[in-house]
N, C-alpha and C. Protein backbone atom coordinates (compact mmCIF):
# COMPACT_ATOMS: atom_id res chain seq x y z
N UNK A 1 25.90 11.43 9.43
CA UNK A 1 25.55 12.39 8.44
C UNK A 1 25.91 11.04 6.66
N UNK A 2 26.26 10.33 6.88
CA UNK A 2 26.62 9.34 5.52
C UNK A 2 25.02 9.47 5.22
N UNK A 3 24.63 8.79 6.16
CA UNK A 3 22.74 7.99 5.80
C UNK A 3 21.56 9.05 5.67
N UNK A 4 22.05 10.84 5.88
CA UNK A 4 21.11 11.47 5.49
C UNK A 4 21.74 11.97 4.05
N UNK A 5 23.14 11.34 3.83
CA UNK A 5 22.84 12.48 2.20
C UNK A 5 22.46 11.18 1.31
N UNK A 6 22.70 9.72 2.37
CA UNK A 6 22.28 8.68 0.74
C UNK A 6 20.84 9.26 0.97
N UNK A 7 19.93 9.64 2.41
CA UNK A 7 18.60 9.72 2.13
C UNK A 7 17.73 10.71 0.49
N UNK A 8 18.76 11.84 1.09
CA UNK A 8 18.96 12.81 0.42
C UNK A 8 19.00 12.38 -1.05
N UNK A 9 19.92 12.04 -1.51
CA UNK A 9 20.26 11.81 -2.52
C UNK A 9 19.11 11.00 -3.54
N UNK A 10 18.54 10.13 -2.21
CA UNK A 10 17.15 8.89 -2.34
C UNK A 10 16.11 10.03 -3.39
N UNK A 11 15.83 10.82 -2.49
CA UNK A 11 14.81 11.93 -2.80
C UNK A 11 14.85 12.61 -3.76
N UNK A 12 16.26 13.20 -4.03
CA UNK A 12 16.45 14.13 -5.39
C UNK A 12 16.09 12.89 -6.11
N UNK A 13 16.44 12.38 -6.54
CA UNK A 13 16.44 11.33 -7.73
C UNK A 13 15.75 10.62 -8.70
N UNK A 14 14.80 10.44 -6.89
CA UNK A 14 12.86 10.32 -6.99
C UNK A 14 12.19 11.23 -7.56
N UNK A 15 12.56 12.44 -7.63
CA UNK A 15 11.77 13.38 -7.83
C UNK A 15 12.14 13.35 -9.69
N UNK A 16 13.53 13.50 -10.06
CA UNK A 16 14.27 13.47 -11.16
C UNK A 16 13.33 13.34 -12.64
N UNK A 17 13.15 11.40 -11.20
CA UNK A 17 12.16 10.37 -12.18
C UNK A 17 11.21 10.38 -12.78
N UNK A 18 10.32 11.08 -11.45
CA UNK A 18 8.96 11.19 -11.38
C UNK A 18 8.74 12.75 -12.04
N UNK A 19 9.87 13.43 -12.57
CA UNK A 19 9.51 15.00 -13.34
C UNK A 19 10.03 14.22 -14.80
N UNK A 20 11.25 13.76 -15.13
CA UNK A 20 10.93 13.38 -16.36
C UNK A 20 10.23 11.96 -16.74
N UNK A 21 9.34 11.48 -16.30
CA UNK A 21 8.49 10.20 -16.76
C UNK A 21 6.84 11.47 -16.45
N UNK A 22 6.38 12.16 -16.03
CA UNK A 22 5.50 13.02 -16.07
C UNK A 22 5.67 13.87 -17.59
N UNK A 23 6.48 14.23 -17.95
CA UNK A 23 7.32 14.84 -19.18
C UNK A 23 6.73 14.64 -20.30
N UNK A 24 7.32 13.07 -19.96
CA UNK A 24 7.98 12.15 -20.95
C UNK A 24 6.51 11.48 -21.52
N UNK A 25 5.51 11.58 -20.58
CA UNK A 25 4.07 10.73 -20.69
C UNK A 25 2.62 11.76 -20.96
N UNK A 26 2.71 12.28 -19.46
CA UNK A 26 1.46 12.69 -18.84
C UNK A 26 1.33 14.44 -19.67
N UNK A 27 2.60 14.76 -19.67
CA UNK A 27 2.55 15.83 -20.59
C UNK A 27 2.06 16.16 -22.06
N UNK A 28 3.32 15.13 -22.31
CA UNK A 28 3.06 14.97 -23.45
C UNK A 28 1.06 13.43 -23.92
N UNK A 29 1.17 13.69 -23.20
CA UNK A 29 -0.01 13.30 -23.67
C UNK A 29 -1.47 14.09 -23.63
N UNK A 30 -1.12 15.00 -22.87
CA UNK A 30 -2.24 16.17 -22.26
C UNK A 30 -2.17 17.37 -23.70
N UNK A 31 -0.78 17.12 -24.21
CA UNK A 31 -0.48 18.09 -25.70
C UNK A 31 -1.73 17.82 -26.76
N UNK A 32 -1.35 16.77 -26.96
CA UNK A 32 -1.90 15.55 -28.06
C UNK A 32 -3.42 15.35 -27.66
N UNK A 33 -4.34 15.35 -26.13
CA UNK A 33 -5.62 15.45 -25.99
C UNK A 33 -6.29 17.00 -26.72
N UNK A 34 -5.17 17.99 -26.09
CA UNK A 34 -5.91 18.98 -25.96
C UNK A 34 -5.48 19.60 -27.34
N UNK A 35 -5.23 19.00 -28.28
CA UNK A 35 -5.44 19.45 -30.39
C UNK A 35 -6.48 18.61 -30.26
N UNK A 36 -5.84 17.58 -30.08
CA UNK A 36 -7.55 16.46 -30.51
C UNK A 36 -8.70 17.07 -29.85
N UNK A 37 -8.72 17.49 -29.00
CA UNK A 37 -10.30 18.53 -28.55
C UNK A 37 -10.58 19.86 -29.31
N UNK A 38 -9.51 20.04 -30.15
CA UNK A 38 -9.18 21.81 -31.02
C UNK A 38 -10.06 21.26 -32.39
N UNK A 39 -9.31 19.91 -32.31
CA UNK A 39 -10.01 19.62 -34.06
C UNK A 39 -11.16 19.62 -33.78
N UNK A 40 -11.80 19.14 -32.97
CA UNK A 40 -13.11 18.46 -32.47
C UNK A 40 -14.34 19.94 -32.41
N UNK A 41 -13.64 20.87 -32.19
CA UNK A 41 -14.14 21.93 -32.29
C UNK A 41 -14.23 22.71 -33.64
N UNK A 42 -13.13 22.27 -34.34
CA UNK A 42 -13.04 22.63 -36.01
C UNK A 42 -14.31 21.82 -36.87
N UNK A 43 -14.33 21.12 -36.32
CA UNK A 43 -15.30 20.10 -37.29
C UNK A 43 -16.58 20.45 -36.57
N UNK A 44 -16.84 20.63 -35.40
CA UNK A 44 -18.67 20.80 -35.63
C UNK A 44 -19.27 21.29 -35.70
N UNK A 45 -19.29 22.27 -36.63
CA UNK A 45 -19.89 22.88 -37.67
C UNK A 45 -20.33 22.19 -38.73
N UNK A 46 -19.19 21.81 -39.65
CA UNK A 46 -18.94 21.85 -40.45
C UNK A 46 -18.98 20.47 -41.10
N UNK A 47 -18.60 19.64 -39.92
CA UNK A 47 -18.85 17.85 -39.96
C UNK A 47 -19.19 17.26 -38.80
N UNK A 48 -20.35 17.20 -37.76
CA UNK A 48 -20.83 16.70 -36.93
C UNK A 48 -20.50 16.00 -36.63
N UNK A 49 -20.53 14.62 -37.84
CA UNK A 49 -20.35 13.04 -37.54
C UNK A 49 -19.05 13.40 -37.25
N UNK A 50 -17.70 14.19 -37.72
CA UNK A 50 -16.10 13.34 -37.76
C UNK A 50 -16.09 14.36 -36.01
N UNK A 51 -17.25 14.98 -35.67
CA UNK A 51 -16.61 15.98 -34.35
C UNK A 51 -16.91 15.05 -33.63
N UNK A 52 -17.60 14.05 -33.35
CA UNK A 52 -18.48 13.09 -32.88
C UNK A 52 -16.91 12.20 -32.79
N UNK A 53 -16.68 11.72 -33.68
CA UNK A 53 -15.71 10.61 -33.31
C UNK A 53 -14.66 11.24 -33.25
N UNK A 54 -14.07 12.74 -32.68
CA UNK A 54 -13.18 12.58 -32.59
C UNK A 54 -13.19 13.27 -30.55
N UNK A 55 -14.35 13.86 -30.17
CA UNK A 55 -14.77 13.50 -29.12
C UNK A 55 -14.85 12.08 -28.41
N UNK A 56 -15.27 11.63 -28.85
CA UNK A 56 -15.10 9.68 -28.45
C UNK A 56 -13.71 9.38 -28.63
N UNK A 57 -12.97 9.88 -29.39
CA UNK A 57 -11.38 9.11 -29.36
C UNK A 57 -11.25 9.55 -28.16
N UNK A 58 -11.42 11.16 -27.89
CA UNK A 58 -10.31 11.71 -27.08
C UNK A 58 -11.52 11.57 -25.11
N UNK A 59 -12.32 10.81 -25.60
CA UNK A 59 -13.04 10.27 -24.29
C UNK A 59 -12.20 9.30 -23.83
N UNK A 60 -11.77 8.34 -24.79
CA UNK A 60 -11.17 6.74 -24.07
C UNK A 60 -9.88 7.16 -24.30
N UNK A 61 -9.16 8.44 -24.87
CA UNK A 61 -7.49 8.60 -24.17
C UNK A 61 -7.10 9.08 -22.62
N UNK A 62 -8.65 9.82 -22.94
CA UNK A 62 -8.39 10.39 -20.82
C UNK A 62 -8.33 9.77 -20.39
N UNK A 63 -8.92 7.72 -20.59
CA UNK A 63 -9.09 7.13 -19.61
C UNK A 63 -7.68 6.60 -19.44
N UNK A 64 -6.72 6.63 -21.06
CA UNK A 64 -5.42 6.27 -20.65
C UNK A 64 -4.52 7.29 -20.03
N UNK A 65 -4.87 8.53 -19.83
CA UNK A 65 -3.85 9.52 -19.12
C UNK A 65 -4.11 9.24 -17.55
N UNK A 66 -5.74 8.99 -17.34
CA UNK A 66 -5.49 8.55 -15.90
C UNK A 66 -5.44 7.08 -15.90
N UNK A 67 -5.32 5.96 -16.53
CA UNK A 67 -3.92 5.45 -15.67
C UNK A 67 -2.77 5.34 -15.74
N UNK A 68 -2.44 6.53 -16.65
CA UNK A 68 -1.07 6.60 -16.67
C UNK A 68 -0.96 7.40 -15.04
N UNK A 69 -1.49 8.17 -14.97
CA UNK A 69 -1.16 8.96 -13.77
C UNK A 69 -1.66 8.24 -12.87
N UNK A 70 -1.86 7.25 -12.26
CA UNK A 70 -2.85 6.10 -11.64
C UNK A 70 -1.48 5.31 -11.35
N UNK A 71 -0.65 5.50 -12.24
CA UNK A 71 0.33 3.84 -12.18
C UNK A 71 1.49 4.58 -11.92
N UNK A 72 1.65 6.60 -12.29
CA UNK A 72 2.82 7.22 -11.47
C UNK A 72 2.42 7.21 -9.54
N UNK A 73 1.46 7.71 -9.47
CA UNK A 73 0.97 7.59 -8.00
C UNK A 73 1.48 6.42 -7.42
N UNK A 74 0.72 4.95 -7.96
CA UNK A 74 1.27 3.63 -7.41
C UNK A 74 2.51 3.28 -7.52
N UNK A 75 3.52 4.22 -7.74
CA UNK A 75 4.81 4.21 -8.43
C UNK A 75 5.21 4.22 -6.64
N UNK A 76 4.61 5.61 -6.65
CA UNK A 76 5.06 6.84 -5.12
C UNK A 76 4.82 5.77 -3.92
N UNK A 77 3.53 5.63 -4.35
CA UNK A 77 2.96 4.36 -2.67
C UNK A 77 2.28 2.89 -3.20
N UNK A 78 3.41 2.15 -3.61
CA UNK A 78 2.17 1.22 -3.75
C UNK A 78 1.18 0.70 -2.32
N UNK A 79 -0.23 0.73 -3.51
CA UNK A 79 -1.80 0.37 -2.55
C UNK A 79 -1.58 -0.59 -2.09
N UNK A 80 -1.68 -1.91 -2.50
CA UNK A 80 -1.52 -3.16 -3.07
C UNK A 80 -0.72 -3.81 -1.34
N UNK A 81 0.14 -2.97 -0.92
CA UNK A 81 0.82 -3.38 0.04
C UNK A 81 -0.06 -2.84 0.98
N UNK A 82 -1.04 -2.18 1.34
CA UNK A 82 -1.52 -2.14 2.41
C UNK A 82 -2.68 -2.61 2.80
N UNK A 83 -3.06 -3.11 1.15
CA UNK A 83 -4.55 -3.77 1.17
C UNK A 83 -4.23 -4.99 1.50
N UNK A 84 -3.48 -5.69 0.27
CA UNK A 84 -3.90 -7.24 0.20
C UNK A 84 -1.81 -7.46 0.75
N UNK A 85 -1.04 -6.37 0.15
CA UNK A 85 -0.06 -7.27 0.60
C UNK A 85 1.48 -7.61 -0.97
N UNK A 86 2.08 -8.34 -0.50
CA UNK A 86 2.87 -8.41 -0.61
C UNK A 86 3.33 -9.14 -2.51
N UNK A 87 2.27 -9.96 -2.76
CA UNK A 87 2.52 -10.86 -3.80
C UNK A 87 0.84 -10.31 -4.56
N UNK A 88 0.36 -9.58 -4.39
CA UNK A 88 -0.86 -8.59 -5.08
C UNK A 88 0.29 -7.16 -5.98
N UNK A 89 0.97 -7.07 -4.85
CA UNK A 89 1.55 -5.86 -5.87
C UNK A 89 2.81 -5.72 -6.57
N UNK A 90 3.60 -7.54 -6.50
CA UNK A 90 4.64 -8.24 -7.50
C UNK A 90 3.24 -9.02 -8.12
N UNK A 91 2.30 -9.47 -8.44
CA UNK A 91 1.49 -10.18 -9.36
C UNK A 91 1.19 -8.80 -10.29
N UNK A 92 0.92 -7.46 -9.71
CA UNK A 92 0.89 -6.15 -10.71
C UNK A 92 1.76 -5.56 -11.49
N UNK A 93 3.11 -5.93 -10.43
CA UNK A 93 4.89 -5.94 -12.00
C UNK A 93 4.10 -6.59 -12.75
N UNK A 94 4.20 -7.79 -12.35
CA UNK A 94 4.71 -8.64 -13.32
C UNK A 94 3.65 -8.27 -14.22
N UNK A 95 2.59 -8.34 -14.31
CA UNK A 95 1.13 -7.81 -15.66
C UNK A 95 2.17 -7.19 -16.37
N UNK A 96 1.79 -6.17 -15.54
CA UNK A 96 2.60 -4.52 -16.05
C UNK A 96 4.11 -4.77 -17.34
N UNK A 97 5.23 -5.54 -16.24
CA UNK A 97 6.35 -6.50 -17.50
C UNK A 97 5.95 -7.11 -18.96
N UNK A 98 5.13 -8.34 -18.33
CA UNK A 98 4.65 -9.55 -19.24
C UNK A 98 4.28 -9.02 -20.34
N UNK A 99 2.92 -7.90 -20.24
CA UNK A 99 1.87 -8.02 -21.34
C UNK A 99 2.25 -6.36 -21.73
N UNK A 100 2.76 -5.48 -21.01
CA UNK A 100 2.85 -4.55 -21.72
C UNK A 100 4.51 -4.14 -22.74
N UNK A 101 5.22 -5.21 -22.91
CA UNK A 101 6.87 -5.04 -23.68
C UNK A 101 7.12 -5.88 -24.51
N UNK A 102 7.64 -6.00 -25.19
CA UNK A 102 9.03 -6.91 -26.39
C UNK A 102 9.81 -7.25 -25.20
N UNK A 103 9.51 -8.33 -24.52
CA UNK A 103 10.43 -9.08 -23.38
C UNK A 103 10.27 -10.11 -22.51
N UNK A 104 10.40 -11.65 -22.70
CA UNK A 104 9.63 -12.13 -21.70
C UNK A 104 10.66 -11.83 -20.47
N UNK A 105 9.84 -12.35 -19.61
CA UNK A 105 9.62 -11.79 -18.09
C UNK A 105 8.95 -13.08 -17.61
N UNK A 106 10.18 -13.49 -16.40
CA UNK A 106 10.41 -14.79 -15.93
C UNK A 106 10.32 -14.54 -14.24
N UNK A 107 9.37 -14.86 -13.28
CA UNK A 107 9.58 -14.06 -11.72
C UNK A 107 9.15 -15.17 -10.26
N UNK A 108 10.61 -15.13 -10.41
CA UNK A 108 10.01 -16.45 -8.89
C UNK A 108 11.14 -16.01 -7.58
N UNK A 109 9.75 -15.16 -7.06
CA UNK A 109 9.84 -14.53 -5.98
C UNK A 109 9.11 -14.24 -4.63
N UNK A 110 9.84 -14.93 -3.05
CA UNK A 110 8.95 -15.13 -2.24
C UNK A 110 8.58 -14.11 -1.79
N UNK A 111 7.62 -13.93 -0.54
CA UNK A 111 7.93 -13.00 0.57
C UNK A 111 8.21 -13.20 0.94
N UNK A 112 8.94 -11.42 1.16
CA UNK A 112 10.21 -11.28 2.66
C UNK A 112 9.45 -11.04 3.98
N UNK A 113 9.77 -11.83 4.81
CA UNK A 113 9.57 -11.74 6.37
C UNK A 113 9.98 -10.45 7.44
N UNK A 114 9.11 -9.76 7.33
CA UNK A 114 9.59 -8.27 8.06
C UNK A 114 8.13 -7.98 8.54
N UNK A 115 8.57 -7.26 9.66
CA UNK A 115 7.32 -6.78 10.61
C UNK A 115 6.98 -5.03 10.28
N UNK A 116 8.21 -4.03 9.90
CA UNK A 116 7.45 -3.25 9.95
C UNK A 116 7.23 -3.02 8.39
N UNK A 117 7.75 -3.49 7.53
CA UNK A 117 7.32 -3.25 5.89
C UNK A 117 8.32 -2.19 5.21
N UNK A 118 9.19 -2.04 5.51
CA UNK A 118 9.67 -1.10 4.79
C UNK A 118 11.09 -1.92 3.99
N UNK A 119 11.10 -2.87 4.56
CA UNK A 119 12.47 -3.50 3.56
C UNK A 119 11.70 -3.84 2.86
N UNK A 120 10.24 -4.94 2.82
CA UNK A 120 9.46 -4.77 1.90
C UNK A 120 9.18 -3.79 0.29
N UNK A 121 8.89 -2.85 1.20
CA UNK A 121 8.34 -1.03 0.00
C UNK A 121 10.58 -1.15 -0.34
N UNK A 122 10.76 -1.07 0.38
CA UNK A 122 12.28 -0.75 -0.46
C UNK A 122 12.53 -2.13 -1.88
N UNK A 123 12.25 -3.10 -0.85
CA UNK A 123 12.79 -4.01 -1.67
C UNK A 123 12.14 -4.10 -3.55
N UNK A 124 10.83 -3.69 -3.26
CA UNK A 124 10.12 -3.35 -4.28
C UNK A 124 10.54 -2.38 -4.91
N UNK A 125 11.13 -1.31 -4.63
CA UNK A 125 11.30 0.35 -5.25
C UNK A 125 12.21 -0.50 -6.06
N UNK A 126 13.16 -1.38 -5.66
CA UNK A 126 14.53 -1.86 -6.00
C UNK A 126 14.34 -2.68 -7.71
N UNK A 127 13.29 -3.64 -7.32
CA UNK A 127 13.05 -4.44 -7.82
C UNK A 127 12.28 -3.89 -9.28
N UNK A 128 11.19 -2.39 -9.39
CA UNK A 128 10.44 -1.67 -10.24
C UNK A 128 11.47 -1.51 -10.66
N UNK A 129 12.73 -0.38 -9.99
CA UNK A 129 13.72 0.39 -11.41
C UNK A 129 14.91 -0.31 -11.46
N UNK A 130 15.15 -1.76 -11.49
CA UNK A 130 16.01 -2.84 -12.00
C UNK A 130 15.18 -3.29 -13.72
N UNK A 131 13.91 -3.85 -13.56
CA UNK A 131 13.27 -3.73 -14.69
C UNK A 131 13.15 -2.33 -14.88
N UNK A 132 12.95 -1.21 -14.71
CA UNK A 132 12.78 -0.61 -16.41
C UNK A 132 14.57 -0.24 -16.52
N UNK A 133 15.40 -0.36 -15.79
CA UNK A 133 16.49 -0.11 -16.40
C UNK A 133 17.11 -1.38 -17.51
N UNK A 134 16.25 -2.45 -17.15
CA UNK A 134 16.36 -3.30 -18.12
C UNK A 134 15.28 -2.89 -19.43
N UNK A 135 14.18 -2.46 -19.15
CA UNK A 135 13.14 -2.31 -20.38
C UNK A 135 13.55 -0.64 -21.24
N UNK A 136 14.51 -0.42 -20.49
CA UNK A 136 14.96 0.75 -21.83
C UNK A 136 16.02 0.80 -21.83
N UNK A 137 17.30 -0.15 -21.22
CA UNK A 137 18.59 0.04 -21.76
C UNK A 137 19.36 -1.36 -22.56
N UNK A 138 19.07 -2.30 -22.32
CA UNK A 138 19.35 -3.41 -21.97
C UNK A 138 19.10 -3.51 -23.57
N UNK A 139 18.25 -3.78 -24.42
CA UNK A 139 17.76 -4.08 -25.97
C UNK A 139 17.82 -5.95 -25.45
N UNK A 140 17.03 -6.37 -24.59
CA UNK A 140 17.09 -7.55 -24.02
C UNK A 140 16.15 -8.03 -24.73
N UNK A 141 16.19 -9.39 -24.92
CA UNK A 141 14.67 -10.25 -25.07
C UNK A 141 14.28 -11.07 -23.72
N UNK A 142 15.08 -11.38 -22.30
CA UNK A 142 14.47 -12.29 -21.94
C UNK A 142 15.24 -11.19 -20.73
N UNK A 143 14.01 -11.13 -19.55
CA UNK A 143 14.88 -10.87 -17.98
C UNK A 143 14.53 -11.69 -16.83
N UNK A 144 15.46 -12.17 -15.98
CA UNK A 144 14.66 -12.95 -14.81
C UNK A 144 14.87 -12.05 -13.50
N UNK A 145 14.13 -12.24 -12.68
CA UNK A 145 13.86 -11.48 -11.68
C UNK A 145 13.81 -12.99 -10.62
N UNK A 146 14.50 -12.97 -9.87
CA UNK A 146 14.06 -13.97 -8.21
C UNK A 146 15.03 -13.38 -7.30
N UNK A 147 13.82 -14.02 -6.12
CA UNK A 147 14.55 -13.55 -4.53
C UNK A 147 14.21 -14.15 -4.07
N UNK A 148 15.25 -15.12 -2.80
CA UNK A 148 15.05 -15.61 -1.57
C UNK A 148 15.36 -15.44 -0.47
N UNK A 149 14.69 -16.14 0.30
CA UNK A 149 15.21 -16.09 2.12
C UNK A 149 16.39 -17.40 1.90
N UNK A 150 17.64 -16.61 2.42
CA UNK A 150 18.41 -17.49 2.87
C UNK A 150 18.88 -17.31 3.80
N UNK A 151 19.15 -17.98 4.77
CA UNK A 151 19.52 -17.88 6.27
C UNK A 151 18.79 -16.57 7.42
N UNK A 152 19.80 -15.39 7.41
CA UNK A 152 19.64 -14.34 7.93
C UNK A 152 19.58 -13.39 6.82
N UNK A 153 20.00 -13.96 5.38
CA UNK A 153 19.76 -12.79 4.43
C UNK A 153 18.36 -12.72 3.24
N UNK A 154 18.25 -11.55 2.33
CA UNK A 154 17.15 -12.09 1.39
C UNK A 154 18.16 -11.79 0.33
N UNK A 155 18.27 -12.41 -0.54
CA UNK A 155 19.11 -12.56 -2.43
C UNK A 155 18.44 -11.96 -3.07
N UNK A 156 18.45 -10.88 -3.78
CA UNK A 156 17.52 -10.61 -4.72
C UNK A 156 18.61 -10.49 -6.32
N UNK A 157 17.52 -11.23 -7.29
CA UNK A 157 19.13 -11.53 -8.48
C UNK A 157 18.07 -10.79 -9.96
N UNK A 158 18.50 -10.07 -10.40
CA UNK A 158 18.06 -9.58 -12.22
C UNK A 158 18.82 -9.83 -13.14
N UNK A 159 18.68 -10.64 -14.07
CA UNK A 159 19.19 -10.56 -15.14
C UNK A 159 18.94 -10.34 -16.18
N UNK A 160 19.30 -9.47 -17.01
CA UNK A 160 19.17 -10.10 -18.77
C UNK A 160 19.71 -11.00 -19.91
N UNK A 161 19.61 -11.08 -21.20
CA UNK A 161 20.38 -10.46 -22.01
C UNK A 161 20.72 -9.69 -22.52
N UNK A 162 20.88 -8.90 -22.94
CA UNK A 162 20.48 -7.59 -23.07
C UNK A 162 22.30 -7.49 -23.58
N UNK A 163 23.12 -5.87 -24.23
CA UNK A 163 23.63 -5.57 -24.32
C UNK A 163 24.66 -5.16 -23.84
N UNK A 164 24.22 -5.16 -22.33
CA UNK A 164 25.34 -4.77 -20.64
C UNK A 164 25.98 -3.11 -21.28
N UNK A 165 26.89 -3.35 -20.48
CA UNK A 165 26.87 -1.72 -20.60
C UNK A 165 28.37 -1.41 -19.91
N UNK A 166 29.36 -0.82 -20.01
CA UNK A 166 30.52 -0.87 -19.54
C UNK A 166 30.68 -0.17 -17.77
N UNK A 167 31.49 -0.64 -16.70
CA UNK A 167 31.58 -0.65 -15.87
C UNK A 167 31.85 0.95 -15.82
N UNK A 168 32.32 1.54 -15.74
CA UNK A 168 33.34 2.73 -16.29
C UNK A 168 32.20 3.41 -15.98
N UNK A 169 30.85 3.32 -16.72
CA UNK A 169 29.64 3.99 -17.09
C UNK A 169 28.68 4.22 -16.15
N UNK A 170 28.88 3.31 -14.86
CA UNK A 170 28.03 3.26 -14.27
C UNK A 170 27.74 4.77 -12.93
N UNK A 171 28.66 5.31 -13.24
CA UNK A 171 27.62 6.65 -12.23
C UNK A 171 27.08 7.38 -13.24
N UNK A 172 27.24 7.01 -14.53
CA UNK A 172 26.55 7.94 -15.45
C UNK A 172 24.51 7.58 -15.22
N UNK A 173 24.35 6.18 -14.24
CA UNK A 173 23.05 5.45 -14.48
C UNK A 173 22.74 6.18 -13.80
N UNK A 174 21.37 6.85 -13.36
CA UNK A 174 21.38 7.66 -11.41
C UNK A 174 19.89 5.98 -11.22
N UNK A 175 19.86 5.36 -12.02
CA UNK A 175 18.34 4.17 -11.44
C UNK A 175 19.40 3.86 -10.80
N UNK A 176 20.93 3.19 -12.16
CA UNK A 176 21.90 2.40 -10.69
C UNK A 176 22.21 3.23 -9.39
N UNK A 177 22.71 3.96 -9.37
CA UNK A 177 23.04 4.60 -8.10
C UNK A 177 21.88 5.03 -7.35
N UNK A 178 20.26 4.44 -7.38
CA UNK A 178 19.04 4.91 -6.60
C UNK A 178 19.35 3.81 -6.04
N UNK A 179 19.41 2.24 -6.72
CA UNK A 179 19.30 1.24 -6.12
C UNK A 179 20.68 0.93 -5.55
N UNK A 180 21.65 1.49 -5.59
CA UNK A 180 22.95 1.53 -4.69
C UNK A 180 22.54 2.52 -3.34
N UNK A 181 21.84 2.91 -3.05
CA UNK A 181 21.78 3.68 -2.08
C UNK A 181 20.25 3.22 -1.52
N UNK A 182 19.59 2.80 -1.90
CA UNK A 182 18.28 1.72 -1.14
C UNK A 182 19.04 0.66 -0.33
N UNK A 183 20.17 0.38 -0.61
CA UNK A 183 20.73 -0.91 -0.81
C UNK A 183 21.51 -0.95 0.40
N UNK A 184 22.00 -0.05 0.78
CA UNK A 184 23.33 0.54 1.64
C UNK A 184 22.18 1.15 2.71
N UNK A 185 21.04 1.84 2.12
CA UNK A 185 20.51 1.85 3.48
C UNK A 185 19.67 1.14 4.47
N UNK A 186 19.95 -0.32 3.54
CA UNK A 186 19.06 -1.94 4.09
C UNK A 186 20.29 -2.54 4.68
N UNK A 187 21.51 -1.46 4.82
CA UNK A 187 22.50 -2.52 5.31
C UNK A 187 22.55 -4.04 4.29
N UNK A 188 22.85 -3.70 3.23
CA UNK A 188 23.09 -4.94 2.23
C UNK A 188 24.16 -4.47 1.10
N UNK A 189 24.61 -5.04 0.36
CA UNK A 189 25.55 -5.04 -0.46
C UNK A 189 24.71 -5.91 -2.19
N UNK A 190 25.26 -4.56 -2.95
CA UNK A 190 25.56 -4.60 -4.45
C UNK A 190 26.59 -5.64 -5.54
N UNK A 191 26.14 -6.20 -6.40
CA UNK A 191 27.56 -6.42 -6.67
C UNK A 191 26.50 -6.65 -8.58
N UNK A 192 27.24 -5.66 -9.38
CA UNK A 192 26.97 -6.41 -10.99
C UNK A 192 27.89 -6.59 -12.12
N UNK A 193 27.54 -7.62 -13.06
CA UNK A 193 28.26 -8.81 -13.60
C UNK A 193 27.91 -7.73 -14.34
N UNK A 194 28.33 -7.28 -16.04
CA UNK A 194 28.01 -6.50 -17.00
C UNK A 194 28.97 -7.61 -18.56
N UNK A 195 28.01 -8.08 -19.69
CA UNK A 195 28.88 -7.54 -20.40
C UNK A 195 28.01 -8.24 -21.99
N UNK A 196 28.36 -8.33 -22.64
CA UNK A 196 28.14 -8.22 -24.24
C UNK A 196 27.03 -9.97 -23.97
N UNK A 197 27.07 -10.63 -23.14
CA UNK A 197 25.76 -11.42 -22.94
C UNK A 197 24.67 -10.77 -22.25
N UNK A 198 24.99 -9.49 -21.30
CA UNK A 198 23.74 -9.49 -20.66
C UNK A 198 24.16 -9.04 -19.46
N UNK A 199 22.99 -8.44 -18.42
CA UNK A 199 23.76 -7.75 -17.27
C UNK A 199 23.35 -8.53 -16.29
N UNK A 200 24.32 -8.69 -15.09
CA UNK A 200 22.76 -9.86 -13.79
C UNK A 200 23.63 -8.77 -12.67
N UNK A 201 22.26 -8.21 -11.79
CA UNK A 201 22.41 -6.74 -10.73
C UNK A 201 21.97 -8.59 -9.90
N UNK A 202 23.32 -8.27 -8.86
CA UNK A 202 22.99 -9.09 -7.64
C UNK A 202 22.97 -8.60 -6.18
N UNK A 203 22.23 -8.61 -5.36
CA UNK A 203 21.69 -7.78 -3.58
C UNK A 203 20.93 -8.94 -2.68
N UNK A 204 22.28 -8.17 -1.68
CA UNK A 204 21.80 -8.87 -0.80
C UNK A 204 21.56 -7.64 0.66
N UNK A 205 20.63 -8.02 1.39
CA UNK A 205 20.41 -7.57 2.04
C UNK A 205 19.68 -8.53 3.66
N UNK A 206 19.97 -7.43 4.88
CA UNK A 206 19.22 -8.65 5.86
C UNK A 206 17.99 -9.60 6.59
N UNK A 207 17.08 -10.02 6.32
CA UNK A 207 16.10 -10.66 6.29
C UNK A 207 15.35 -8.95 7.54
N UNK A 208 15.97 -8.88 8.46
CA UNK A 208 16.00 -7.38 9.73
C UNK A 208 15.33 -6.00 8.31
N UNK A 209 16.09 -6.16 7.64
CA UNK A 209 15.93 -4.59 7.06
C UNK A 209 16.54 -3.61 7.31
N UNK A 210 16.41 -2.73 7.80
CA UNK A 210 16.94 -1.19 8.53
C UNK A 210 18.14 -1.78 9.74
N UNK A 211 19.07 -1.36 9.96
CA UNK A 211 19.79 -1.65 11.33
C UNK A 211 20.26 -0.16 11.58
């Protein structure tokens, strides 16, 4: 029963995250695009040159929206896991973090050795959510992500040098609750150390994944 509740919680948390992301990005971008096209329509008779410029700008913006939607789809199911595996997914995630944000990112991540792929995808989602939390809340200048296999366990560490948060506020952080539930479903454990010097998230799961 507890495992079923955990799965349901994960589903609802993921739905909420997707809903908020679509509202805050895609919907707002489509509203802007609609306004830009309306402006082009108004210019069409009075200033054809300006109308053309607005249309060209709108076409470029459409490509930007498509890329954003592809990122959301990729988060739902990382395609490179099916195509070329873990390393391609990590490289893509690193590039999105390192080149699109004002933060120094360091990755030292080993390829998890598992047969069913569930553990790898789960760890990928955990890393994505943890990095997203750092970007959105920590105000950090640096972030370090490492993952190593030690004995029969996979140990994941995400650390930042941001402002930290109060442990009593952890229940308010849906991202951390999402991570905790994922870790529990993998039969693992999670510890958090946080303060004015930053936050360190430590996760350990059995190499075999769900049991």
